[in-house]
């Protein structure tokens, strides 16, 4: 074997290894995204307020508007995607942590348990002054949010009541 053929073989092996690495990394990200997306969509289905806000039927936004990132040495995944309905669009953001297991996410998701526990899941909803705020989709936060919504709406109902009284006095 000549030196040139050894270099060619080495470069071929290097290129093949790079392709395998990229394919494995892409598959790992896709699997993680699908798991987090599925868990977030289950939480969306439970939130009647959010469904009323975006309207039915609702579906995912374009894939290129979605993001996936990792932190804490790939033990925490952050995923954002759009939810589109007949009345509007909102961003859904979910953060999940994985249980101990394989260090590599591709091995964790395929050979290991592949379990991601949702730490937070939020939708961006309209707020006062035309701004948006995060609304938790976790069931344990729903009651507190409903109470806050009622408090936010009390001034609106008081203004409406005052306007009706003025209208009756004028008429």
N, C-alpha and C. Protein backbone atom coordinates (compact mmCIF):
# COMPACT_ATOMS: atom_id res chain seq x y z
N UNK A 1 0.83 -1.18 0.00
CA UNK A 1 0.00 0.00 0.00
C UNK A 1 0.88 1.25 0.00
N UNK A 2 0.46 2.19 -0.79
CA UNK A 2 1.24 3.42 -0.85
C UNK A 2 0.74 4.41 0.19
N UNK A 3 1.50 5.43 0.41
CA UNK A 3 1.13 6.47 1.38
C UNK A 3 -0.15 7.17 0.94
N UNK A 4 -0.27 7.35 -0.37
CA UNK A 4 -1.45 8.04 -0.91
C UNK A 4 -2.72 7.24 -0.62
N UNK A 5 -2.70 5.95 -0.79
CA UNK A 5 -3.89 5.13 -0.52
C UNK A 5 -4.20 5.09 0.98
N UNK A 6 -3.17 5.12 1.82
CA UNK A 6 -3.40 5.19 3.27
C UNK A 6 -4.10 6.49 3.66
N UNK A 7 -3.66 7.58 3.05
CA UNK A 7 -4.28 8.89 3.32
C UNK A 7 -5.72 8.89 2.86
N UNK A 8 -5.95 8.33 1.66
CA UNK A 8 -7.32 8.25 1.14
C UNK A 8 -8.22 7.42 2.06
N UNK A 9 -7.72 6.29 2.50
CA UNK A 9 -8.50 5.44 3.41
C UNK A 9 -8.78 6.17 4.72
N UNK A 10 -7.76 6.85 5.21
CA UNK A 10 -7.93 7.61 6.45
C UNK A 10 -8.95 8.72 6.31
N UNK A 11 -8.88 9.47 5.22
CA UNK A 11 -9.83 10.55 4.98
C UNK A 11 -11.25 10.00 4.77
N UNK A 12 -11.33 8.86 4.09
CA UNK A 12 -12.64 8.22 3.88
C UNK A 12 -13.25 7.80 5.20
N UNK A 13 -12.42 7.21 6.07
CA UNK A 13 -12.91 6.81 7.39
C UNK A 13 -13.31 8.00 8.23
N UNK A 14 -12.54 9.08 8.15
CA UNK A 14 -12.86 10.31 8.87
C UNK A 14 -14.18 10.91 8.39
N UNK A 15 -14.36 10.94 7.09
CA UNK A 15 -15.61 11.47 6.53
C UNK A 15 -16.80 10.61 6.94
N UNK A 16 -16.63 9.30 6.89
CA UNK A 16 -17.70 8.39 7.30
C UNK A 16 -18.04 8.58 8.78
N UNK A 17 -17.04 8.73 9.61
CA UNK A 17 -17.26 8.97 11.04
C UNK A 17 -17.99 10.28 11.30
N UNK A 18 -17.62 11.31 10.53
CA UNK A 18 -18.29 12.60 10.68
C UNK A 18 -19.76 12.49 10.29
N UNK A 19 -20.04 11.79 9.20
CA UNK A 19 -21.43 11.61 8.77
C UNK A 19 -22.23 10.84 9.82
N UNK A 20 -21.63 9.79 10.39
CA UNK A 20 -22.31 9.02 11.44
C UNK A 20 -22.58 9.90 12.67
N UNK A 21 -21.62 10.71 13.05
CA UNK A 21 -21.79 11.59 14.21
C UNK A 21 -22.93 12.58 13.97
N UNK A 22 -22.96 13.21 12.82
CA UNK A 22 -24.00 14.19 12.50
C UNK A 22 -25.37 13.51 12.44
N UNK A 23 -25.43 12.33 11.84
CA UNK A 23 -26.70 11.61 11.77
C UNK A 23 -27.19 11.23 13.17
N UNK A 24 -26.30 10.76 14.02
CA UNK A 24 -26.68 10.40 15.39
C UNK A 24 -27.13 11.60 16.19
N UNK A 25 -26.43 12.72 16.04
CA UNK A 25 -26.79 13.95 16.76
C UNK A 25 -28.15 14.46 16.28
N UNK A 26 -28.37 14.43 14.99
CA UNK A 26 -29.65 14.87 14.43
C UNK A 26 -30.79 13.96 14.90
N UNK A 27 -30.57 12.67 14.88
CA UNK A 27 -31.59 11.73 15.35
C UNK A 27 -31.88 11.95 16.83
N UNK A 28 -30.86 12.19 17.62
CA UNK A 28 -31.03 12.44 19.05
C UNK A 28 -31.89 13.68 19.28
N UNK A 29 -31.58 14.76 18.54
CA UNK A 29 -32.35 15.99 18.68
C UNK A 29 -33.80 15.79 18.25
N UNK A 30 -34.01 15.08 17.17
CA UNK A 30 -35.36 14.83 16.67
C UNK A 30 -36.18 14.00 17.66
N UNK A 31 -35.58 12.98 18.22
CA UNK A 31 -36.27 12.15 19.21
C UNK A 31 -36.63 12.98 20.45
N UNK A 32 -35.67 13.77 20.94
CA UNK A 32 -35.92 14.60 22.12
C UNK A 32 -37.01 15.62 21.83
N UNK A 33 -36.94 16.28 20.68
CA UNK A 33 -37.95 17.27 20.30
C UNK A 33 -39.34 16.62 20.28
N UNK A 34 -39.45 15.46 19.65
CA UNK A 34 -40.75 14.79 19.56
C UNK A 34 -41.29 14.40 20.93
N UNK A 35 -40.43 13.98 21.84
CA UNK A 35 -40.88 13.63 23.19
C UNK A 35 -41.38 14.87 23.93
N UNK A 36 -40.63 15.95 23.90
CA UNK A 36 -41.03 17.18 24.59
C UNK A 36 -42.28 17.79 23.95
N UNK A 37 -42.32 17.78 22.63
CA UNK A 37 -43.48 18.31 21.92
C UNK A 37 -44.74 17.53 22.28
N UNK A 38 -44.64 16.21 22.33
CA UNK A 38 -45.80 15.38 22.68
C UNK A 38 -46.29 15.66 24.10
N UNK A 39 -45.36 15.83 25.04
CA UNK A 39 -45.76 16.12 26.42
C UNK A 39 -46.40 17.50 26.51
N UNK A 40 -45.87 18.47 25.78
CA UNK A 40 -46.45 19.82 25.79
C UNK A 40 -47.84 19.81 25.18
N UNK A 41 -48.03 19.07 24.10
CA UNK A 41 -49.35 19.02 23.45
C UNK A 41 -50.40 18.37 24.36
N UNK A 42 -49.99 17.41 25.19
CA UNK A 42 -50.92 16.85 26.17
C UNK A 42 -51.38 17.92 27.15
N UNK A 43 -50.46 18.78 27.57
CA UNK A 43 -50.81 19.87 28.49
C UNK A 43 -51.67 20.92 27.80
N UNK A 44 -51.41 21.18 26.52
CA UNK A 44 -52.23 22.12 25.76
C UNK A 44 -53.67 21.63 25.71
N UNK A 45 -53.88 20.35 25.46
CA UNK A 45 -55.24 19.79 25.36
C UNK A 45 -56.03 19.96 26.65
N UNK A 46 -55.35 20.06 27.79
CA UNK A 46 -56.01 20.21 29.09
C UNK A 46 -56.36 21.65 29.43
N UNK A 47 -55.83 22.60 28.68
CA UNK A 47 -56.01 24.03 29.00
C UNK A 47 -57.08 24.64 28.09
N UNK A 48 -58.32 24.69 28.58
CA UNK A 48 -59.45 25.21 27.79
C UNK A 48 -59.26 26.68 27.44
N UNK A 49 -58.67 27.46 28.35
CA UNK A 49 -58.45 28.88 28.08
C UNK A 49 -57.56 29.06 26.86
N UNK A 50 -56.47 28.32 26.80
CA UNK A 50 -55.54 28.44 25.69
C UNK A 50 -56.20 28.00 24.38
N UNK A 51 -56.95 26.93 24.43
CA UNK A 51 -57.63 26.44 23.23
C UNK A 51 -58.64 27.46 22.73
N UNK A 52 -59.37 28.11 23.66
CA UNK A 52 -60.31 29.16 23.26
C UNK A 52 -59.57 30.35 22.66
N UNK A 53 -58.40 30.65 23.19
CA UNK A 53 -57.64 31.78 22.71
C UNK A 53 -57.14 31.58 21.27
N UNK A 54 -56.56 30.41 20.98
CA UNK A 54 -56.03 30.18 19.63
C UNK A 54 -57.10 29.67 18.68
N UNK A 55 -58.15 29.05 19.20
CA UNK A 55 -59.23 28.54 18.38
C UNK A 55 -58.98 27.12 17.89
N UNK A 56 -60.08 26.44 17.64
CA UNK A 56 -59.98 25.08 17.13
C UNK A 56 -60.39 25.08 15.66
N UNK A 57 -59.85 24.25 14.86
CA UNK A 57 -58.79 23.29 15.16
C UNK A 57 -57.45 24.02 15.28
N UNK A 58 -56.55 23.42 16.02
CA UNK A 58 -55.21 23.98 16.16
C UNK A 58 -54.18 22.96 15.71
N UNK A 59 -53.05 23.47 15.30
CA UNK A 59 -51.98 22.62 14.79
C UNK A 59 -50.63 23.26 15.09
N UNK A 60 -49.57 22.57 14.77
CA UNK A 60 -48.22 23.11 14.96
C UNK A 60 -47.93 24.18 13.93
N UNK A 61 -47.10 25.13 14.33
CA UNK A 61 -46.60 26.09 13.37
C UNK A 61 -45.53 25.42 12.52
N UNK A 62 -44.90 26.20 11.68
CA UNK A 62 -43.87 25.68 10.78
C UNK A 62 -42.68 25.16 11.59
N UNK A 63 -42.07 24.09 11.12
CA UNK A 63 -40.96 23.45 11.84
C UNK A 63 -39.78 24.40 11.99
N UNK A 64 -39.60 25.30 11.04
CA UNK A 64 -38.44 26.20 11.12
C UNK A 64 -38.60 27.30 12.16
N UNK A 65 -39.78 27.41 12.77
CA UNK A 65 -39.99 28.34 13.87
C UNK A 65 -39.80 27.67 15.23
N UNK A 66 -39.44 26.40 15.23
CA UNK A 66 -39.23 25.65 16.47
C UNK A 66 -37.75 25.67 16.85
N UNK A 67 -37.50 25.53 18.15
CA UNK A 67 -36.11 25.48 18.62
C UNK A 67 -35.95 24.33 19.61
N UNK A 68 -34.73 23.86 19.72
CA UNK A 68 -34.37 22.86 20.73
C UNK A 68 -32.96 23.19 21.19
N UNK A 69 -32.80 23.27 22.49
CA UNK A 69 -31.48 23.55 23.06
C UNK A 69 -31.31 22.70 24.31
N UNK A 70 -30.06 22.50 24.70
CA UNK A 70 -29.75 21.71 25.87
C UNK A 70 -28.90 22.53 26.82
N UNK A 71 -29.03 22.25 28.11
CA UNK A 71 -28.18 22.88 29.12
C UNK A 71 -27.86 21.84 30.18
N UNK A 72 -27.05 22.23 31.14
CA UNK A 72 -26.68 21.35 32.24
C UNK A 72 -26.12 20.02 31.73
N UNK A 73 -25.14 20.15 30.83
CA UNK A 73 -24.49 18.97 30.23
C UNK A 73 -25.47 18.02 29.57
N UNK A 74 -26.38 18.57 28.82
CA UNK A 74 -27.41 17.83 28.06
C UNK A 74 -28.43 17.12 28.94
N UNK A 75 -28.53 17.50 30.19
CA UNK A 75 -29.51 16.86 31.08
C UNK A 75 -30.83 17.62 31.13
N UNK A 76 -30.87 18.84 30.61
CA UNK A 76 -32.09 19.64 30.55
C UNK A 76 -32.28 20.09 29.11
N UNK A 77 -33.48 19.85 28.58
CA UNK A 77 -33.80 20.23 27.21
C UNK A 77 -34.82 21.37 27.24
N UNK A 78 -34.63 22.33 26.33
CA UNK A 78 -35.53 23.47 26.19
C UNK A 78 -36.08 23.44 24.77
N UNK A 79 -37.39 23.43 24.64
CA UNK A 79 -38.02 23.31 23.34
C UNK A 79 -39.08 24.40 23.20
N UNK A 80 -39.12 25.08 22.06
CA UNK A 80 -40.14 26.08 21.78
C UNK A 80 -40.71 25.80 20.40
N UNK A 81 -42.03 25.92 20.28
CA UNK A 81 -42.69 25.75 18.99
C UNK A 81 -43.96 26.59 18.97
N UNK A 82 -44.49 26.82 17.79
CA UNK A 82 -45.71 27.60 17.65
C UNK A 82 -46.94 26.70 17.61
N UNK A 83 -48.01 27.23 18.17
CA UNK A 83 -49.32 26.57 18.12
C UNK A 83 -50.23 27.52 17.35
N UNK A 84 -50.76 27.06 16.22
CA UNK A 84 -51.62 27.88 15.39
C UNK A 84 -53.04 27.37 15.44
N UNK A 85 -53.97 28.31 15.64
CA UNK A 85 -55.38 27.96 15.64
C UNK A 85 -56.15 28.87 14.71
N UNK A 86 -57.46 28.71 14.69
CA UNK A 86 -58.30 29.51 13.80
C UNK A 86 -58.38 30.97 14.24
N UNK A 87 -58.08 31.26 15.51
CA UNK A 87 -58.15 32.64 16.03
C UNK A 87 -56.79 33.29 16.21
N UNK A 88 -55.73 32.52 16.29
CA UNK A 88 -54.43 33.13 16.52
C UNK A 88 -53.31 32.12 16.67
N UNK A 89 -52.15 32.67 17.04
CA UNK A 89 -50.92 31.88 17.18
C UNK A 89 -50.30 32.20 18.53
N UNK A 90 -49.70 31.21 19.15
CA UNK A 90 -48.95 31.43 20.39
C UNK A 90 -47.70 30.56 20.37
N UNK A 91 -46.74 30.97 21.16
CA UNK A 91 -45.53 30.17 21.32
C UNK A 91 -45.67 29.29 22.55
N UNK A 92 -45.33 28.03 22.42
CA UNK A 92 -45.31 27.09 23.53
C UNK A 92 -43.85 26.80 23.85
N UNK A 93 -43.52 26.88 25.11
CA UNK A 93 -42.14 26.64 25.56
C UNK A 93 -42.16 25.58 26.64
N UNK A 94 -41.37 24.54 26.47
CA UNK A 94 -41.32 23.45 27.45
C UNK A 94 -39.87 23.18 27.83
N UNK A 95 -39.67 22.97 29.12
CA UNK A 95 -38.34 22.62 29.64
C UNK A 95 -38.50 21.30 30.38
N UNK A 96 -37.61 20.35 30.09
CA UNK A 96 -37.71 19.03 30.71
C UNK A 96 -36.31 18.53 31.09
N UNK A 97 -36.27 17.77 32.17
CA UNK A 97 -35.02 17.17 32.63
C UNK A 97 -35.07 15.66 32.47
N UNK A 98 -33.91 15.09 32.25
CA UNK A 98 -33.87 13.65 32.07
C UNK A 98 -33.37 12.98 33.34
N UNK A 99 -33.73 11.74 33.46
CA UNK A 99 -33.30 10.94 34.60
C UNK A 99 -31.86 10.46 34.37
N UNK A 100 -31.18 10.05 35.43
CA UNK A 100 -29.81 9.53 35.24
C UNK A 100 -29.82 8.33 34.31
N UNK A 101 -28.77 8.21 33.57
CA UNK A 101 -28.65 7.11 32.62
C UNK A 101 -27.47 7.36 31.70
N UNK A 102 -27.57 6.89 30.48
CA UNK A 102 -26.51 7.09 29.51
C UNK A 102 -26.21 8.58 29.36
N UNK A 103 -24.95 8.91 29.20
CA UNK A 103 -24.57 10.32 29.05
C UNK A 103 -25.01 10.86 27.69
N UNK A 104 -24.90 10.06 26.67
CA UNK A 104 -25.29 10.46 25.32
C UNK A 104 -26.82 10.45 25.19
N UNK A 105 -27.38 11.53 24.65
CA UNK A 105 -28.84 11.59 24.49
C UNK A 105 -29.36 10.55 23.51
N UNK A 106 -28.60 10.23 22.46
CA UNK A 106 -29.07 9.22 21.51
C UNK A 106 -29.17 7.86 22.19
N UNK A 107 -28.21 7.53 23.03
CA UNK A 107 -28.28 6.26 23.76
C UNK A 107 -29.37 6.32 24.83
N UNK A 108 -29.49 7.44 25.52
CA UNK A 108 -30.51 7.60 26.55
C UNK A 108 -31.91 7.44 25.95
N UNK A 109 -32.13 8.06 24.78
CA UNK A 109 -33.45 8.03 24.16
C UNK A 109 -33.78 6.71 23.48
N UNK A 110 -32.78 5.98 23.02
CA UNK A 110 -33.05 4.75 22.27
C UNK A 110 -32.87 3.48 23.09
N UNK A 111 -31.77 3.39 23.83
CA UNK A 111 -31.49 2.18 24.61
C UNK A 111 -31.95 2.35 26.06
N UNK A 112 -31.75 3.56 26.60
CA UNK A 112 -32.11 3.84 28.00
C UNK A 112 -33.60 4.08 28.15
N UNK A 113 -33.97 4.69 29.27
CA UNK A 113 -35.39 4.92 29.56
C UNK A 113 -36.00 5.96 28.64
N UNK A 114 -35.24 6.97 28.25
CA UNK A 114 -35.76 8.00 27.36
C UNK A 114 -36.82 8.87 28.00
N UNK A 115 -36.89 8.87 29.32
CA UNK A 115 -37.93 9.63 30.03
C UNK A 115 -37.45 11.06 30.29
N UNK A 116 -38.26 12.02 29.88
CA UNK A 116 -38.00 13.44 30.14
C UNK A 116 -39.13 13.96 31.01
N UNK A 117 -38.80 14.47 32.19
CA UNK A 117 -39.80 15.01 33.12
C UNK A 117 -39.97 16.50 32.87
N UNK A 118 -41.21 16.93 32.61
CA UNK A 118 -41.47 18.33 32.33
C UNK A 118 -41.26 19.15 33.60
N UNK A 119 -40.40 20.14 33.50
CA UNK A 119 -40.12 21.04 34.62
C UNK A 119 -40.98 22.30 34.52
N UNK A 120 -41.19 22.77 33.30
CA UNK A 120 -42.08 23.92 33.06
C UNK A 120 -42.61 23.83 31.65
N UNK A 121 -43.81 24.35 31.47
CA UNK A 121 -44.43 24.40 30.15
C UNK A 121 -45.31 25.64 30.13
N UNK A 122 -45.03 26.54 29.18
CA UNK A 122 -45.73 27.82 29.17
C UNK A 122 -46.18 28.18 27.77
N UNK A 123 -47.26 28.98 27.74
CA UNK A 123 -47.74 29.57 26.49
C UNK A 123 -47.73 31.08 26.67
N UNK A 124 -47.45 31.79 25.62
CA UNK A 124 -47.49 33.24 25.67
C UNK A 124 -48.91 33.69 25.34
N UNK A 125 -49.53 34.44 26.27
CA UNK A 125 -50.92 34.87 26.10
C UNK A 125 -51.02 36.39 26.23
N UNK A 126 -52.06 36.99 25.63
CA UNK A 126 -52.22 38.45 25.74
C UNK A 126 -52.39 38.89 27.19
N UNK A 127 -51.90 40.08 27.46
CA UNK A 127 -51.98 40.64 28.80
C UNK A 127 -52.38 42.11 28.68
N UNK A 128 -52.38 42.81 29.80
CA UNK A 128 -52.76 44.21 29.83
C UNK A 128 -51.82 45.05 28.96
N UNK A 129 -52.37 46.08 28.37
CA UNK A 129 -51.56 47.01 27.59
C UNK A 129 -51.03 46.45 26.30
N UNK A 130 -51.61 45.38 25.79
CA UNK A 130 -51.16 44.81 24.53
C UNK A 130 -49.90 43.97 24.64
N UNK A 131 -49.44 43.74 25.84
CA UNK A 131 -48.26 42.92 26.05
C UNK A 131 -48.65 41.45 26.15
N UNK A 132 -47.67 40.59 26.16
CA UNK A 132 -47.93 39.17 26.38
C UNK A 132 -47.24 38.73 27.67
N UNK A 133 -47.77 37.67 28.27
CA UNK A 133 -47.14 37.11 29.46
C UNK A 133 -47.19 35.59 29.36
N UNK A 134 -46.33 34.96 30.12
CA UNK A 134 -46.26 33.51 30.11
C UNK A 134 -47.38 32.94 30.98
N UNK A 135 -48.08 31.94 30.44
CA UNK A 135 -49.13 31.23 31.18
C UNK A 135 -48.67 29.79 31.33
N UNK A 136 -48.54 29.33 32.57
CA UNK A 136 -48.11 27.97 32.81
C UNK A 136 -49.20 26.99 32.38
N UNK A 137 -48.80 25.91 31.75
CA UNK A 137 -49.74 24.87 31.34
C UNK A 137 -49.71 23.69 32.29
N UNK A 138 -48.89 23.77 33.34
CA UNK A 138 -48.83 22.69 34.31
C UNK A 138 -50.08 22.71 35.17
N UNK A 139 -50.72 21.55 35.37
CA UNK A 139 -51.97 21.49 36.12
C UNK A 139 -51.88 22.11 37.52
N UNK A 140 -50.74 21.96 38.18
CA UNK A 140 -50.62 22.48 39.54
C UNK A 140 -50.61 24.00 39.59
N UNK A 141 -50.46 24.68 38.45
CA UNK A 141 -50.47 26.13 38.41
C UNK A 141 -51.80 26.70 37.91
N UNK A 142 -52.69 25.85 37.42
CA UNK A 142 -53.92 26.31 36.77
C UNK A 142 -54.85 27.08 37.72
N UNK A 143 -55.05 26.60 38.93
CA UNK A 143 -55.98 27.25 39.85
C UNK A 143 -55.51 28.66 40.19
N UNK A 144 -54.25 28.84 40.47
CA UNK A 144 -53.72 30.17 40.80
C UNK A 144 -53.88 31.12 39.62
N UNK A 145 -53.68 30.63 38.41
CA UNK A 145 -53.83 31.47 37.22
C UNK A 145 -55.28 31.87 37.00
N UNK A 146 -56.21 30.96 37.26
CA UNK A 146 -57.63 31.29 37.10
C UNK A 146 -58.04 32.37 38.08
N UNK A 147 -57.55 32.30 39.31
CA UNK A 147 -57.85 33.34 40.29
C UNK A 147 -57.26 34.67 39.85
N UNK A 148 -56.06 34.66 39.31
CA UNK A 148 -55.43 35.89 38.84
C UNK A 148 -56.22 36.47 37.67
N UNK A 149 -56.71 35.62 36.78
CA UNK A 149 -57.50 36.09 35.64
C UNK A 149 -58.77 36.78 36.13
N UNK A 150 -59.42 36.20 37.13
CA UNK A 150 -60.63 36.80 37.67
C UNK A 150 -60.32 38.16 38.28
N UNK A 151 -59.21 38.28 38.99
CA UNK A 151 -58.83 39.57 39.56
C UNK A 151 -58.53 40.58 38.47
N UNK A 152 -57.87 40.13 37.40
CA UNK A 152 -57.56 41.02 36.29
C UNK A 152 -58.81 41.51 35.60
N UNK A 153 -59.85 40.69 35.57
CA UNK A 153 -61.08 41.05 34.88
C UNK A 153 -62.02 41.89 35.74
N UNK A 154 -61.85 41.93 37.05
CA UNK A 154 -62.75 42.71 37.90
C UNK A 154 -62.78 44.18 37.52
N UNK A 155 -61.66 44.85 37.28
CA UNK A 155 -61.74 46.25 36.87
C UNK A 155 -62.50 46.42 35.56
N UNK A 156 -62.34 45.47 34.63
CA UNK A 156 -63.05 45.55 33.36
C UNK A 156 -64.56 45.49 33.58
N UNK A 157 -65.01 44.57 34.44
CA UNK A 157 -66.44 44.43 34.68
C UNK A 157 -66.98 45.64 35.44
N UNK A 158 -66.16 46.24 36.30
CA UNK A 158 -66.60 47.43 37.02
C UNK A 158 -66.77 48.61 36.06
N UNK A 159 -65.86 48.78 35.13
CA UNK A 159 -65.96 49.84 34.14
C UNK A 159 -67.20 49.62 33.27
N UNK A 160 -67.42 48.37 32.86
CA UNK A 160 -68.58 48.06 32.05
C UNK A 160 -69.87 48.38 32.81
N UNK A 161 -69.92 48.04 34.10
CA UNK A 161 -71.09 48.31 34.93
C UNK A 161 -71.33 49.81 35.05
N UNK A 162 -70.25 50.59 35.24
CA UNK A 162 -70.38 52.04 35.33
C UNK A 162 -70.88 52.63 34.02
N UNK A 163 -70.43 52.11 32.91
CA UNK A 163 -70.89 52.60 31.62
C UNK A 163 -72.37 52.31 31.42
N UNK A 164 -72.83 51.15 31.85
CA UNK A 164 -74.24 50.79 31.73
C UNK A 164 -75.09 51.71 32.61
N UNK A 165 -74.62 52.03 33.83
CA UNK A 165 -75.36 52.91 34.71
C UNK A 165 -75.47 54.30 34.11
N UNK A 166 -74.40 54.81 33.52
CA UNK A 166 -74.43 56.13 32.89
C UNK A 166 -75.40 56.13 31.71
N UNK A 167 -75.40 55.05 30.96
CA UNK A 167 -76.29 54.94 29.80
C UNK A 167 -77.76 54.96 30.26
N UNK A 168 -78.06 54.25 31.36
CA UNK A 168 -79.42 54.20 31.88
C UNK A 168 -79.84 55.57 32.41
N UNK A 169 -78.92 56.29 33.07
CA UNK A 169 -79.23 57.62 33.60
C UNK A 169 -79.47 58.62 32.48
N UNK A 170 -78.70 58.47 31.40
CA UNK A 170 -78.85 59.39 30.27
C UNK A 170 -80.11 59.10 29.46
N UNK A 171 -80.56 57.89 29.47
CA UNK A 171 -81.70 57.48 28.63
C UNK A 171 -82.97 57.53 29.32
